C-alpha atoms as a PDB file:
ATOM      1  CA  MET A   1     -37.661  48.567  89.219  1.00  0.00           C
ATOM      2  CA  SER A   2     -36.378  51.839  90.678  1.00  0.00           C
ATOM      3  CA  LEU A   3     -32.873  52.311  92.032  1.00  0.00           C
ATOM      4  CA  VAL A   4     -34.230  52.939  95.542  1.00  0.00           C
ATOM      5  CA  THR A   5     -36.062  49.606  95.428  1.00  0.00           C
ATOM      6  CA  ILE A   6     -32.929  47.807  94.269  1.00  0.00           C
ATOM      7  CA  THR A   7     -30.740  49.356  96.981  1.00  0.00           C
ATOM      8  CA  THR A   8     -33.397  48.526  99.603  1.00  0.00           C
ATOM      9  CA  ILE A   9     -33.449  44.873  98.542  1.00  0.00           C
ATOM     10  CA  ILE A  10     -29.652  44.741  98.647  1.00  0.00           C
ATOM     11  CA  LEU A  11     -29.625  46.348 102.094  1.00  0.00           C
ATOM     12  CA  PHE A  12     -32.105  43.912 103.632  1.00  0.00           C
ATOM     13  CA  SER A  13     -30.239  40.998 102.036  1.00  0.00           C
ATOM     14  CA  TRP A  14     -27.030  42.315 103.591  1.00  0.00           C
ATOM     15  CA  VAL A  15     -28.721  42.532 106.995  1.00  0.00           C
ATOM     16  CA  GLY A  16     -29.763  38.889 106.732  1.00  0.00           C
ATOM     17  CA  PHE A  17     -26.259  37.890 105.675  1.00  0.00           C
ATOM     18  CA  ILE A  18     -24.599  39.783 108.558  1.00  0.00           C
ATOM     19  CA  ILE A  19     -27.034  38.315 111.121  1.00  0.00           C
ATOM     20  CA  ALA A  20     -26.272  34.790 109.900  1.00  0.00           C
ATOM     21  CA  TRP A  21     -22.536  35.537 109.883  1.00  0.00           C
ATOM     22  CA  GLU A  22     -22.671  36.724 113.504  1.00  0.00           C
ATOM     23  CA  ARG A  23     -24.383  33.486 114.545  1.00  0.00           C
ATOM     24  CA  ILE A  24     -21.963  31.253 112.597  1.00  0.00           C
ATOM     25  CA  SER A  25     -18.637  32.949 113.338  1.00  0.00           C
ATOM     26  CA  PRO A  26     -18.925  35.382 116.276  1.00  0.00           C
ATOM     27  CA  TYR A  27     -16.105  37.650 117.398  1.00  0.00           C
ATOM     28  CA  ARG A  28     -17.436  37.449 120.961  1.00  0.00           C
ATOM     29  CA  LYS A  29     -19.070  34.098 121.618  1.00  0.00           C
ATOM     30  CA  GLY A  30     -22.309  34.051 123.575  1.00  0.00           C
ATOM     31  CA  LEU A  31     -23.387  37.574 122.659  1.00  0.00           C
ATOM     32  CA  PRO A  32     -27.214  37.457 122.545  1.00  0.00           C
ATOM     33  CA  PHE A  33     -29.105  38.652 119.469  1.00  0.00           C
ATOM     34  CA  PHE A  34     -31.528  40.681 121.603  1.00  0.00           C
ATOM     35  CA  ARG A  35     -28.677  42.186 123.571  1.00  0.00           C
ATOM     36  CA  ASP A  36     -28.893  45.128 125.961  1.00  0.00           C
ATOM     37  CA  GLY A  37     -30.059  48.220 124.064  1.00  0.00           C
ATOM     38  CA  PHE A  38     -31.176  46.289 120.961  1.00  0.00           C
ATOM     39  CA  TRP A  39     -34.675  47.785 120.844  1.00  0.00           C
ATOM     40  CA  VAL A  40     -33.458  51.319 121.539  1.00  0.00           C
ATOM     41  CA  ASP A  41     -30.983  51.029 118.665  1.00  0.00           C
ATOM     42  CA  LEU A  42     -33.518  49.473 116.302  1.00  0.00           C
ATOM     43  CA  VAL A  43     -36.658  51.480 117.062  1.00  0.00           C
ATOM     44  CA  TRP A  44     -35.351  54.878 118.123  1.00  0.00           C
ATOM     45  CA  TYR A  45     -32.038  55.235 116.306  1.00  0.00           C
ATOM     46  CA  THR A  46     -32.436  53.099 113.170  1.00  0.00           C
ATOM     47  CA  ILE A  47     -36.109  53.694 112.380  1.00  0.00           C
ATOM     48  CA  ILE A  48     -37.516  56.816 114.058  1.00  0.00           C
ATOM     49  CA  GLN A  49     -34.420  59.033 114.226  1.00  0.00           C
ATOM     50  CA  SER A  50     -33.253  58.091 110.718  1.00  0.00           C
ATOM     51  CA  TYR A  51     -36.686  58.822 109.243  1.00  0.00           C
ATOM     52  CA  PHE A  52     -37.084  62.287 110.756  1.00  0.00           C
ATOM     53  CA  LEU A  53     -33.466  63.324 110.238  1.00  0.00           C
ATOM     54  CA  LYS A  54     -33.672  62.373 106.564  1.00  0.00           C
ATOM     55  CA  ILE A  55     -36.562  64.837 106.183  1.00  0.00           C
ATOM     56  CA  LEU A  56     -34.772  67.509 108.216  1.00  0.00           C
ATOM     57  CA  ILE A  57     -31.428  67.216 106.420  1.00  0.00           C
ATOM     58  CA  PHE A  58     -32.658  66.924 102.823  1.00  0.00           C
ATOM     59  CA  ASP A  59     -35.803  69.091 102.935  1.00  0.00           C
ATOM     60  CA  TYR A  60     -34.949  71.773 105.484  1.00  0.00           C
ATOM     61  CA  ILE A  61     -31.165  72.128 105.280  1.00  0.00           C
ATOM     62  CA  ILE A  62     -29.840  71.006 101.891  1.00  0.00           C
ATOM     63  CA  ALA A  63     -32.847  72.048  99.754  1.00  0.00           C
ATOM     64  CA  PRO A  64     -32.922  75.688 100.971  1.00  0.00           C
ATOM     65  CA  VAL A  65     -29.156  76.002 100.455  1.00  0.00           C
ATOM     66  CA  GLN A  66     -29.521  74.569  96.969  1.00  0.00           C
ATOM     67  CA  HIS A  67     -32.364  76.899  95.941  1.00  0.00           C
ATOM     68  CA  HIS A  68     -31.262  80.157  97.586  1.00  0.00           C
ATOM     69  CA  PHE A  69     -27.761  80.284  96.130  1.00  0.00           C
ATOM     70  CA  ASP A  70     -26.529  80.238  92.550  1.00  0.00           C
ATOM     71  CA  TRP A  71     -24.405  77.157  91.971  1.00  0.00           C
ATOM     72  CA  SER A  72     -24.396  77.332  88.161  1.00  0.00           C
ATOM     73  CA  GLY A  73     -20.757  78.368  88.114  1.00  0.00           C
ATOM     74  CA  LEU A  74     -19.686  75.104  89.736  1.00  0.00           C
ATOM     75  CA  GLN A  75     -19.818  72.472  87.008  1.00  0.00           C
ATOM     76  CA  VAL A  76     -16.951  70.348  88.315  1.00  0.00           C
ATOM     77  CA  PHE A  77     -18.667  67.006  87.807  1.00  0.00           C
ATOM     78  CA  LYS A  78     -20.522  67.822  84.582  1.00  0.00           C
ATOM     79  CA  ASN A  79     -18.457  65.448  82.438  1.00  0.00           C
ATOM     80  CA  TRP A  80     -17.716  62.860  85.108  1.00  0.00           C
ATOM     81  CA  THR A  81     -19.149  59.348  84.870  1.00  0.00           C
ATOM     82  CA  ILE A  82     -21.335  57.920  87.635  1.00  0.00           C
ATOM     83  CA  ALA A  83     -18.487  55.662  88.752  1.00  0.00           C
ATOM     84  CA  GLU A  84     -15.989  58.530  88.906  1.00  0.00           C
ATOM     85  CA  GLN A  85     -18.354  60.691  90.947  1.00  0.00           C
ATOM     86  CA  LEU A  86     -19.136  57.848  93.325  1.00  0.00           C
ATOM     87  CA  ILE A  87     -15.470  57.045  93.913  1.00  0.00           C
ATOM     88  CA  PHE A  88     -14.678  60.727  94.504  1.00  0.00           C
ATOM     89  CA  PHE A  89     -17.501  61.304  96.995  1.00  0.00           C
ATOM     90  CA  VAL A  90     -16.865  58.026  98.849  1.00  0.00           C
ATOM     91  CA  ILE A  91     -13.135  58.696  99.319  1.00  0.00           C
ATOM     92  CA  THR A  92     -13.362  62.401 100.181  1.00  0.00           C
ATOM     93  CA  HIS A  93     -16.228  61.916 102.624  1.00  0.00           C
ATOM     94  CA  ASP A  94     -14.472  59.004 104.286  1.00  0.00           C
ATOM     95  CA  LEU A  95     -11.405  61.181 104.831  1.00  0.00           C
ATOM     96  CA  TYR A  96     -13.622  63.887 106.339  1.00  0.00           C
ATOM     97  CA  ILE A  97     -15.285  61.336 108.654  1.00  0.00           C
ATOM     98  CA  TYR A  98     -11.863  60.135 109.810  1.00  0.00           C
ATOM     99  CA  LEU A  99     -10.736  63.684 110.629  1.00  0.00           C
ATOM    100  CA  PHE A 100     -13.988  64.716 112.302  1.00  0.00           C
ATOM    101  CA  HIS A 101     -14.140  61.449 114.250  1.00  0.00           C
ATOM    102  CA  ARG A 102     -10.621  62.064 115.478  1.00  0.00           C
ATOM    103  CA  LEU A 103     -11.580  65.599 116.507  1.00  0.00           C
ATOM    104  CA  GLN A 104     -14.584  64.305 118.453  1.00  0.00           C
ATOM    105  CA  HIS A 105     -12.278  62.190 120.589  1.00  0.00           C
ATOM    106  CA  ALA A 106      -9.941  65.123 121.166  1.00  0.00           C
ATOM    107  CA  SER A 107     -12.570  67.751 122.012  1.00  0.00           C
ATOM    108  CA  LYS A 108     -14.487  67.674 125.297  1.00  0.00           C
ATOM    109  CA  PHE A 109     -17.378  69.526 123.639  1.00  0.00           C
ATOM    110  CA  LEU A 110     -17.615  67.325 120.519  1.00  0.00           C
ATOM    111  CA  TRP A 111     -17.165  64.179 122.600  1.00  0.00           C
ATOM    112  CA  ARG A 112     -20.646  64.767 123.999  1.00  0.00           C
ATOM    113  CA  THR A 113     -22.053  64.368 120.478  1.00  0.00           C
ATOM    114  CA  HIS A 114     -20.221  61.071 120.075  1.00  0.00           C
ATOM    115  CA  GLU A 115     -20.168  59.288 123.435  1.00  0.00           C
ATOM    116  CA  ALA A 116     -23.551  57.644 122.795  1.00  0.00           C
ATOM    117  CA  HIS A 117     -21.958  55.729 119.940  1.00  0.00           C
ATOM    118  CA  HIS A 118     -19.463  54.238 122.406  1.00  0.00           C
ATOM    119  CA  SER A 119     -21.934  53.513 125.202  1.00  0.00           C
ATOM    120  CA  GLY A 120     -22.846  49.962 124.187  1.00  0.00           C
ATOM    121  CA  LYS A 121     -21.213  47.131 126.091  1.00  0.00           C
ATOM    122  CA  GLU A 122     -22.346  44.544 123.532  1.00  0.00           C
ATOM    123  CA  VAL A 123     -21.357  45.640 120.031  1.00  0.00           C
ATOM    124  CA  ASP A 124     -22.991  44.118 116.970  1.00  0.00           C
ATOM    125  CA  PHE A 125     -24.132  45.044 113.445  1.00  0.00           C
ATOM    126  CA  LEU A 126     -26.854  47.339 114.816  1.00  0.00           C
ATOM    127  CA  ALA A 127     -24.629  49.206 117.282  1.00  0.00           C
ATOM    128  CA  GLY A 128     -23.363  51.570 114.611  1.00  0.00           C
ATOM    129  CA  SER A 129     -26.811  53.165 114.352  1.00  0.00           C
ATOM    130  CA  ARG A 130     -26.503  54.634 117.861  1.00  0.00           C
ATOM    131  CA  SER A 131     -25.374  58.175 117.080  1.00  0.00           C
ATOM    132  CA  HIS A 132     -26.354  61.510 118.604  1.00  0.00           C
ATOM    133  CA  ILE A 133     -28.774  63.675 116.594  1.00  0.00           C
ATOM    134  CA  VAL A 134     -26.259  66.523 116.300  1.00  0.00           C
ATOM    135  CA  GLU A 135     -23.568  64.150 115.047  1.00  0.00           C
ATOM    136  CA  ILE A 136     -25.850  62.799 112.318  1.00  0.00           C
ATOM    137  CA  ILE A 137     -27.006  66.268 111.223  1.00  0.00           C
ATOM    138  CA  ILE A 138     -23.421  67.482 110.878  1.00  0.00           C
ATOM    139  CA  ASN A 139     -22.032  64.426 109.133  1.00  0.00           C
ATOM    140  CA  GLN A 140     -24.883  63.699 106.735  1.00  0.00           C
ATOM    141  CA  THR A 141     -25.308  67.353 105.743  1.00  0.00           C
ATOM    142  CA  ILE A 142     -21.615  67.560 104.869  1.00  0.00           C
ATOM    143  CA  GLU A 143     -21.871  64.195 103.123  1.00  0.00           C
ATOM    144  CA  PHE A 144     -24.933  64.719 100.931  1.00  0.00           C
ATOM    145  CA  ALA A 145     -25.057  68.499 100.361  1.00  0.00           C
ATOM    146  CA  PRO A 146     -22.151  68.470  97.862  1.00  0.00           C
ATOM    147  CA  ILE A 147     -23.740  65.540  96.014  1.00  0.00           C
ATOM    148  CA  VAL A 148     -27.199  67.116  95.762  1.00  0.00           C
ATOM    149  CA  ILE A 149     -25.861  70.568  94.852  1.00  0.00           C
ATOM    150  CA  LEU A 150     -22.895  69.750  92.612  1.00  0.00           C
ATOM    151  CA  SER A 151     -23.526  66.350  91.047  1.00  0.00           C
ATOM    152  CA  PRO A 152     -25.483  66.187  87.771  1.00  0.00           C
ATOM    153  CA  ASN A 153     -26.779  62.775  88.909  1.00  0.00           C
ATOM    154  CA  PRO A 154     -27.751  63.091  92.599  1.00  0.00           C
ATOM    155  CA  GLU A 155     -30.749  60.774  92.138  1.00  0.00           C
ATOM    156  CA  ILE A 156     -28.247  57.993  91.376  1.00  0.00           C
ATOM    157  CA  ILE A 157     -25.282  58.890  93.586  1.00  0.00           C
ATOM    158  CA  VAL A 158     -27.257  59.515  96.803  1.00  0.00           C
ATOM    159  CA  PRO A 159     -28.988  56.097  97.133  1.00  0.00           C
ATOM    160  CA  ILE A 160     -25.857  54.190  96.150  1.00  0.00           C
ATOM    161  CA  LYS A 161     -23.695  56.200  98.555  1.00  0.00           C
ATOM    162  CA  ALA A 162     -26.263  55.730 101.333  1.00  0.00           C
ATOM    163  CA  LEU A 163     -26.295  51.977 100.674  1.00  0.00           C
ATOM    164  CA  LEU A 164     -22.501  51.744 100.916  1.00  0.00           C
ATOM    165  CA  ASP A 165     -22.591  53.745 104.166  1.00  0.00           C
ATOM    166  CA  ALA A 166     -25.137  51.397 105.716  1.00  0.00           C
ATOM    167  CA  MET A 167     -23.397  48.226 104.560  1.00  0.00           C
ATOM    168  CA  PHE A 168     -19.973  49.302 105.793  1.00  0.00           C
ATOM    169  CA  GLY A 169     -21.433  50.629 109.049  1.00  0.00           C
ATOM    170  CA  MET A 170     -22.994  47.260 109.807  1.00  0.00           C
ATOM    171  CA  PHE A 171     -19.907  45.343 108.722  1.00  0.00           C
ATOM    172  CA  ILE A 172     -17.302  47.150 110.839  1.00  0.00           C
ATOM    173  CA  HIS A 173     -19.514  46.924 113.955  1.00  0.00           C
ATOM    174  CA  ALA A 174     -20.623  43.338 113.322  1.00  0.00           C
ATOM    175  CA  ASN A 175     -19.790  40.671 115.889  1.00  0.00           C
ATOM    176  CA  VAL A 176     -17.981  38.569 113.290  1.00  0.00           C
ATOM    177  CA  ASN A 177     -14.586  36.957 113.523  1.00  0.00           C
ATOM    178  CA  VAL A 178     -12.974  37.906 110.212  1.00  0.00           C
ATOM    179  CA  LYS A 179      -9.444  38.688 109.110  1.00  0.00           C
ATOM    180  CA  LEU A 180      -8.763  40.493 105.832  1.00  0.00           C
ATOM    181  CA  GLY A 181      -5.084  39.674 105.595  1.00  0.00           C
ATOM    182  CA  LYS A 182      -3.179  42.379 103.729  1.00  0.00           C
ATOM    183  CA  LEU A 183      -6.476  44.005 102.718  1.00  0.00           C
ATOM    184  CA  LYS A 184      -6.732  45.280 106.299  1.00  0.00           C
ATOM    185  CA  TYR A 185      -4.211  47.982 105.390  1.00  0.00           C
ATOM    186  CA  PHE A 186      -6.751  49.377 102.919  1.00  0.00           C
ATOM    187  CA  LEU A 187     -10.260  48.371 104.010  1.00  0.00           C
ATOM    188  CA  ASN A 188     -11.656  48.676 107.514  1.00  0.00           C
ATOM    189  CA  SER A 189     -13.128  45.656 109.293  1.00  0.00           C
ATOM    190  CA  PRO A 190     -14.356  44.460 112.710  1.00  0.00           C
ATOM    191  CA  GLU A 191     -10.803  43.289 113.374  1.00  0.00           C
ATOM    192  CA  LEU A 192      -9.780  46.938 113.881  1.00  0.00           C
ATOM    193  CA  HIS A 193     -13.006  48.786 114.573  1.00  0.00           C
ATOM    194  CA  LEU A 194     -14.255  46.593 117.410  1.00  0.00           C
ATOM    195  CA  TRP A 195     -11.080  47.547 119.248  1.00  0.00           C
ATOM    196  CA  HIS A 196     -12.158  51.182 118.842  1.00  0.00           C
ATOM    197  CA  HIS A 197     -15.247  50.354 120.925  1.00  0.00           C
ATOM    198  CA  ALA A 198     -13.192  48.711 123.660  1.00  0.00           C
ATOM    199  CA  ASN A 199     -12.714  50.409 127.022  1.00  0.00           C
ATOM    200  CA  TYR A 200      -8.939  50.849 126.879  1.00  0.00           C
ATOM    201  CA  ARG A 201      -6.857  54.015 126.934  1.00  0.00           C
ATOM    202  CA  GLU A 202      -4.772  52.690 124.061  1.00  0.00           C
ATOM    203  CA  VAL A 203      -7.688  52.893 121.629  1.00  0.00           C
ATOM    204  CA  PHE A 204      -9.360  56.111 122.747  1.00  0.00           C
ATOM    205  CA  HIS A 205      -7.259  57.912 120.130  1.00  0.00           C
ATOM    206  CA  ALA A 206      -6.965  55.082 117.611  1.00  0.00           C
ATOM    207  CA  ASN A 207      -8.795  53.248 114.813  1.00  0.00           C
ATOM    208  CA  PHE A 208     -10.957  56.162 113.651  1.00  0.00           C
ATOM    209  CA  SER A 209     -11.464  54.916 110.086  1.00  0.00           C
ATOM    210  CA  THR A 210     -14.863  53.963 108.722  1.00  0.00           C
ATOM    211  CA  LYS A 211     -14.500  52.477 105.230  1.00  0.00           C
ATOM    212  CA  PHE A 212     -10.797  52.785 104.536  1.00  0.00           C
ATOM    213  CA  ALA A 213      -8.366  51.668 107.226  1.00  0.00           C
ATOM    214  CA  MET A 214      -5.584  53.298 105.216  1.00  0.00           C
ATOM    215  CA  TRP A 215      -6.286  56.618 106.954  1.00  0.00           C
ATOM    216  CA  ASP A 216      -5.263  55.150 110.319  1.00  0.00           C
ATOM    217  CA  TYR A 217      -2.106  53.691 108.823  1.00  0.00           C
ATOM    218  CA  LEU A 218      -1.251  56.903 106.938  1.00  0.00           C
ATOM    219  CA  PHE A 219      -1.780  59.170 109.957  1.00  0.00           C
ATOM    220  CA  GLY A 220      -0.333  56.807 112.558  1.00  0.00           C
ATOM    221  CA  THR A 221      -3.488  56.183 114.576  1.00  0.00           C
ATOM    222  CA  VAL A 222      -3.852  52.453 114.036  1.00  0.00           C
ATOM    223  CA  TYR A 223      -3.978  50.076 117.012  1.00  0.00           C
ATOM    224  CA  ASP A 224      -3.723  46.398 116.106  1.00  0.00           C
ATOM    225  CA  PRO A 225      -2.411  44.288 118.998  1.00  0.00           C
ATOM    226  CA  GLY A 226      -3.309  41.000 117.328  1.00  0.00           C
ATOM    227  CA  LYS A 227      -5.631  39.942 120.139  1.00  0.00           C
ATOM    228  CA  LYS A 228      -9.212  40.601 121.274  1.00  0.00           C
ATOM    229  CA  PRO A 229     -10.248  43.100 123.989  1.00  0.00           C
ATOM    230  CA  GLY A 230     -11.924  40.446 126.164  1.00  0.00           C
ATOM    231  CA  ASP A 231     -15.468  39.300 126.908  1.00  0.00           C
ATOM    232  CA  SER A 232     -16.150  41.175 130.152  1.00  0.00           C
ATOM    233  CA  ASP A 233     -18.476  44.196 130.011  1.00  0.00           C
ATOM    234  CA  ASP A 234     -15.683  46.181 131.625  1.00  0.00           C
ATOM    235  CA  ASN A 235     -13.641  45.635 128.461  1.00  0.00           C
ATOM    236  CA  TRP A 236     -16.208  47.454 126.311  1.00  0.00           C
ATOM    237  CA  GLY A 237     -18.035  50.761 126.032  1.00  0.00           C
ATOM    238  CA  LEU A 238     -17.516  53.742 128.299  1.00  0.00           C
ATOM    239  CA  TYR A 239     -15.633  53.860 131.588  1.00  0.00           C
ATOM    240  CA  TYR A 240     -18.501  55.750 133.234  1.00  0.00           C
ATOM    241  CA  GLU A 241     -22.206  55.050 133.676  1.00  0.00           C
ATOM    242  CA  TYR A 242     -24.341  56.144 130.742  1.00  0.00           C
ATOM    243  CA  PRO A 243     -28.165  56.253 130.382  1.00  0.00           C
ATOM    244  CA  LYS A 244     -29.851  53.468 128.424  1.00  0.00           C
ATOM    245  CA  ASP A 245     -32.910  55.436 127.382  1.00  0.00           C
ATOM    246  CA  TYR A 246     -32.865  57.287 124.033  1.00  0.00           C
ATOM    247  CA  PHE A 247     -34.066  60.634 125.409  1.00  0.00           C
ATOM    248  CA  LEU A 248     -31.948  60.404 128.549  1.00  0.00           C
ATOM    249  CA  GLN A 249     -28.876  59.758 126.405  1.00  0.00           C
ATOM    250  CA  HIS A 250     -29.454  63.019 124.572  1.00  0.00           C
ATOM    251  CA  ALA A 251     -30.232  64.869 127.802  1.00  0.00           C
ATOM    252  CA  PHE A 252     -27.017  63.518 129.327  1.00  0.00           C
ATOM    253  CA  SER A 253     -25.019  65.140 126.508  1.00  0.00           C
ATOM    254  CA  VAL A 254     -26.364  68.540 127.584  1.00  0.00           C
ATOM    255  CA  LYS A 255     -26.403  68.173 131.376  1.00  0.00           C
ATOM    256  CA  ARG A 256     -24.760  65.453 133.427  1.00  0.00           C
ATOM    257  CA  PHE A 257     -27.011  63.849 136.013  1.00  0.00           C
ATOM    258  CA  ASP A 258     -27.121  60.929 138.414  1.00  0.00           C
ATOM    259  CA  GLU A 259     -29.987  58.598 137.575  1.00  0.00           C
ATOM    260  CA  LYS A 260     -29.986  57.177 141.080  1.00  0.00           C
ATOM    261  CA  LYS A 261     -30.703  60.596 142.561  1.00  0.00           C
ATOM    262  CA  LEU A 262     -33.359  61.417 139.944  1.00  0.00           C
ATOM    263  CA  LEU A 263     -35.261  58.216 140.752  1.00  0.00           C
ATOM    264  CA  ARG A 264     -36.419  59.927 143.947  1.00  0.00           C
ATOM    265  CA  PHE A 265     -38.785  62.005 141.820  1.00  0.00           C
ATOM    266  CA  GLY A 266     -42.035  60.255 141.000  1.00  0.00           C
ATOM    267  CA  TRP A 267     -42.305  61.580 137.432  1.00  0.00           C
ATOM    268  CA  PHE A 268     -38.786  60.439 136.604  1.00  0.00           C
ATOM    269  CA  SER A 269     -39.270  57.009 138.180  1.00  0.00           C
ATOM    270  CA  TRP A 270     -42.509  56.621 136.170  1.00  0.00           C
ATOM    271  CA  TYR A 271     -40.792  57.514 132.885  1.00  0.00           C
ATOM    272  CA  TYR A 272     -37.665  55.512 133.691  1.00  0.00           C
ATOM    273  CA  ASN A 273     -39.659  52.311 134.117  1.00  0.00           C
ATOM    274  CA  LEU A 274     -42.312  53.016 131.480  1.00  0.00           C
ATOM    275  CA  ARG A 275     -40.742  51.149 128.552  1.00  0.00           C
ATOM    276  CA  PRO A 276     -39.616  48.137 130.653  1.00  0.00           C
ATOM    277  CA  SER A 277     -43.149  47.926 132.071  1.00  0.00           C
ATOM    278  CA  LEU A 278     -44.688  47.989 128.601  1.00  0.00           C
ATOM    279  CA  VAL A 279     -42.282  45.308 127.412  1.00  0.00           C
ATOM    280  CA  ASN A 280     -43.232  43.085 130.330  1.00  0.00           C
ATOM    281  CA  ARG A 281     -46.934  43.598 129.639  1.00  0.00           C
ATOM    282  CA  ILE A 282     -46.472  42.616 126.029  1.00  0.00           C
ATOM    283  CA  LYS A 283     -44.536  39.533 127.105  1.00  0.00           C
ATOM    284  CA  SER A 284     -47.304  38.678 129.553  1.00  0.00           C
ATOM    285  CA  MET A 285     -49.937  38.933 126.815  1.00  0.00           C
ATOM    286  CA  TRP A 286     -47.776  36.957 124.404  1.00  0.00           C
ATOM    287  CA  TYR A 287     -47.273  34.043 126.793  1.00  0.00           C
ATOM    288  CA  LYS A 288     -50.870  34.344 128.075  1.00  0.00           C
ATOM    289  CA  ARG A 289     -49.869  34.315 131.674  1.00  0.00           C
ATOM    290  CA  LYS A 290     -49.141  36.866 134.351  1.00  0.00           C
ATOM    291  CA  THR A 291     -45.555  37.803 134.891  1.00  0.00           C
ATOM    292  CA  PRO A 292     -44.176  40.246 137.430  1.00  0.00           C
ATOM    293  CA  VAL A 293     -43.048  43.581 136.111  1.00  0.00           C
ATOM    294  CA  VAL A 294     -39.281  43.535 136.253  1.00  0.00           C
ATOM    295  CA  ASN A 295     -37.289  46.715 136.318  1.00  0.00           C
ATOM    296  CA  MET A 296     -35.033  46.233 133.306  1.00  0.00           C
ATOM    297  CA  TYR A 297     -33.044  49.265 134.408  1.00  0.00           C
ATOM    298  CA  PRO A 298     -31.940  48.568 137.985  1.00  0.00           C
ATOM    299  CA  GLU A 299     -30.727  51.526 139.951  1.00  0.00           C
ATOM    300  CA  PRO A 300     -27.179  52.212 138.815  1.00  0.00           C
ATOM    301  CA  PRO A 301     -24.476  52.280 141.442  1.00  0.00           C
ATOM    302  CA  LYS A 302     -23.058  55.607 142.495  1.00  0.00           C
ATOM    303  CA  THR A 303     -20.389  56.433 139.959  1.00  0.00           C
ATOM    304  CA  ASP A 304     -18.627  59.229 138.161  1.00  0.00           C
ATOM    305  CA  THR A 305     -20.918  61.884 136.752  1.00  0.00           C
ATOM    306  CA  GLY A 306     -20.769  65.528 135.871  1.00  0.00           C
ATOM    307  CA  GLU A 307     -17.455  67.221 136.280  1.00  0.00           C
ATOM    308  CA  ASP A 308     -15.743  64.023 137.451  1.00  0.00           C
ATOM    309  CA  VAL A 309     -16.440  62.450 134.074  1.00  0.00           C
ATOM    310  CA  GLU A 310     -15.178  65.541 132.287  1.00  0.00           C
ATOM    311  CA  GLU A 311     -11.950  65.448 134.286  1.00  0.00           C
ATOM    312  CA  LYS A 312     -11.436  61.778 133.408  1.00  0.00           C
ATOM    313  CA  LEU A 313     -12.077  62.572 129.761  1.00  0.00           C
ATOM    314  CA  ILE A 314      -9.300  65.134 129.962  1.00  0.00           C
ATOM    315  CA  SER A 315      -7.015  62.443 131.357  1.00  0.00           C
ATOM    316  CA  TYR A 316      -7.875  60.241 128.367  1.00  0.00           C
ATOM    317  CA  ASN A 317      -6.834  63.066 126.095  1.00  0.00           C
ATOM    318  CA  ASN A 318      -3.487  63.518 127.735  1.00  0.00           C
END
């Protein structure tokens, strides 16, 4: 059995475990499994985006860099064991992620590559997959390029490192009520990270850690009030309206727009309601009865967009 097969089995087992854990001991009670944005996160971010970005990052970014430059002089890890290499790459990359994550919240430009990750009002194990294409390209290139280029065992380190990333990503976003006790000063958990996804000024510049919570404690960015953010949608996600469609989310990062105004255009209204219409048709076929097509994306109320949002972001940073 290959290592990739083993890590895949472990990953799917972990998914099943986390799903059961969320049902048995939820952090927010009553959160539905098929919550708002579930299919966008699963189909577009987890499956389609991950598949194509893996090809782009490994075959068209890392591979050319590896083959067009002479790296023979860098034999740093030649005599290191697999365990030593893994520990080194996990810790150093996690520190990088902490620093870059912190920078994304401080920079108006980089925030646009990260805001999608904070747009969900109902956070669960799958919510961590919602990340902008540019953010993934930057982070995963910096993560895996040193392993592929410098490690003598990339075929072992890469799948194990990727497995740990996925498992921790699901865990810290999971809707599970868990307390780690004194371990919380070292390892990250939903207890701290779910607060990072709350819509409060206090946490806009706090709880940036991914795997190791020690970074937040070391650099003074931890926020641990000992209570939960609340169950209202206003307590979670962004303070401004954000598109729910995968492509519109990426378009919104380039140019701010008001969906309500764009719905006046026939082509936009057709696209905007395309996926909800298809979902309703499938439901109708499944239940073998006619059901009215319901607009799953009702017209959003007039709210902050464009420069107003940017100005509010500046106020968050001050």
